[in-house]
Amino acid sequence: MDNIIKQVIESEYRAQKIINEVENESKQAVENLEKEIQKIRDEIFLSMMNRAASIKAEKLEQAKVKAEEILDQTRARTARMMQKLEENRGIWVQQLLDHVLR
């Protein structure tokens, strides 16, 4: 009888040990999955941040090019206006004097 009780106790001990091992393995699997999910989230976030930075840089470059085009056009218009002024200054001064002296 003692032998049977001893075997039952040993069986219970082995069963509890197996249950504990399974629980530990389960906890470890959950932790590993959580780490993997976080790693994937971090990779996605980093990829999105890099893409956003790339788009921002591209848009800034486009804006810079457009601003330079506008400045060039403005300089060209100003130069044409100054040229017209110099070409017509004498005529305008003469017309003004003629008008005042009449």
Foldseek 3Di string as FASTA:
>chain_A
DVVVVVVVVVVVVVVVVVVVVVVVVVVVVVVVVVVVVVVVVVVVVVVVVVVVVVVVVVVVVVVVVVVVVVVVVVVVVVVVVVVVCVVCVVVVVVVVVVVVVD
